[in-house]
Amino acid sequence: MTGERITWTLEEIRKFDRLADDTGSRDQMVRIKARMDQANFIKEHGKAKCDAMWAHLQAGGKVEARP
């Protein structure tokens, strides 16, 4: 996957952003569910894509599609 631009849809990054936010919730049940859902999301979309979305969000990138 080296050199390839990783893309995602608006729906994918919105869901990823929500899951990331929920893992930091004060509500323990929300955190647990988010971790389980996040593991399934990573399995479905791949670690490389999730790492790219995480880096994008951490760098201050907007929650928007990356075609």
Protein backbone atom coordinates (compact mmCIF):
# COMPACT_ATOMS: atom_id res chain seq x y z
CA MET A 1 0.00 0.00 0.00
CA THR A 2 3.03 2.23 -0.08
CA GLY A 3 2.68 5.35 -2.14
CA GLU A 4 -1.08 4.94 -2.54
CA ARG A 5 -3.38 7.68 -1.36
CA ILE A 6 -5.78 6.26 1.19
CA THR A 7 -9.35 7.40 0.67
CA TRP A 8 -12.51 7.26 2.78
CA THR A 9 -16.12 8.26 2.56
CA LEU A 10 -17.84 10.85 4.70
CA GLU A 11 -19.80 8.07 6.40
CA GLU A 12 -16.61 6.14 7.24
CA ILE A 13 -14.78 9.08 8.82
CA ARG A 14 -17.88 10.22 10.70
CA LYS A 15 -18.28 6.77 12.22
CA PHE A 16 -14.55 6.53 12.96
CA ASP A 17 -14.58 9.96 14.63
CA ARG A 18 -17.61 9.03 16.75
CA LEU A 19 -16.01 5.76 17.83
CA ALA A 20 -12.79 7.58 18.74
CA ASP A 21 -14.75 10.13 20.78
CA ASP A 22 -16.79 7.44 22.51
CA THR A 23 -13.66 5.58 23.66
CA GLY A 24 -13.00 8.59 25.87
CA SER A 25 -16.52 8.78 27.28
CA ARG A 26 -17.06 9.16 31.01
CA ASP A 27 -19.74 6.46 30.73
CA GLN A 28 -18.05 3.07 31.10
CA MET A 29 -20.64 1.23 29.00
CA VAL A 30 -20.23 3.71 26.15
CA ARG A 31 -16.43 3.21 26.30
CA ILE A 32 -16.72 -0.58 26.28
CA LYS A 33 -19.17 -0.61 23.36
CA ALA A 34 -17.00 1.85 21.42
CA ARG A 35 -13.91 -0.32 21.86
CA MET A 36 -15.76 -3.39 20.62
CA ASP A 37 -17.27 -1.47 17.69
CA GLN A 38 -13.90 0.07 16.91
CA ALA A 39 -12.26 -3.36 16.69
CA ASN A 40 -14.95 -4.47 14.23
CA PHE A 41 -14.59 -1.23 12.23
CA ILE A 42 -10.81 -1.75 11.95
CA LYS A 43 -11.33 -5.37 10.89
CA GLU A 44 -13.83 -4.27 8.23
CA HIS A 45 -11.93 -1.27 6.83
CA GLY A 46 -8.31 -2.20 7.54
CA LYS A 47 -5.71 -0.86 9.92
CA ALA A 48 -3.96 1.26 7.27
CA LYS A 49 -7.15 3.21 6.49
CA CYS A 50 -7.96 3.67 10.18
CA ASP A 51 -4.40 4.80 10.93
CA ALA A 52 -4.66 7.32 8.07
CA MET A 53 -8.00 8.65 9.34
CA TRP A 54 -6.60 8.90 12.87
CA ALA A 55 -3.52 10.81 11.64
CA HIS A 56 -5.76 13.11 9.60
CA LEU A 57 -8.01 13.90 12.57
CA GLN A 58 -5.08 14.33 14.97
CA ALA A 59 -3.51 16.82 12.56
CA GLY A 60 -6.67 18.91 12.76
CA GLY A 61 -8.19 17.63 9.55
CA LYS A 62 -11.90 18.05 8.99
CA VAL A 63 -14.41 15.23 9.19
CA GLU A 64 -14.96 15.04 5.45
CA ALA A 65 -14.64 12.55 2.62
CA ARG A 66 -11.24 12.03 1.10
CA PRO A 67 -11.88 10.86 -2.47
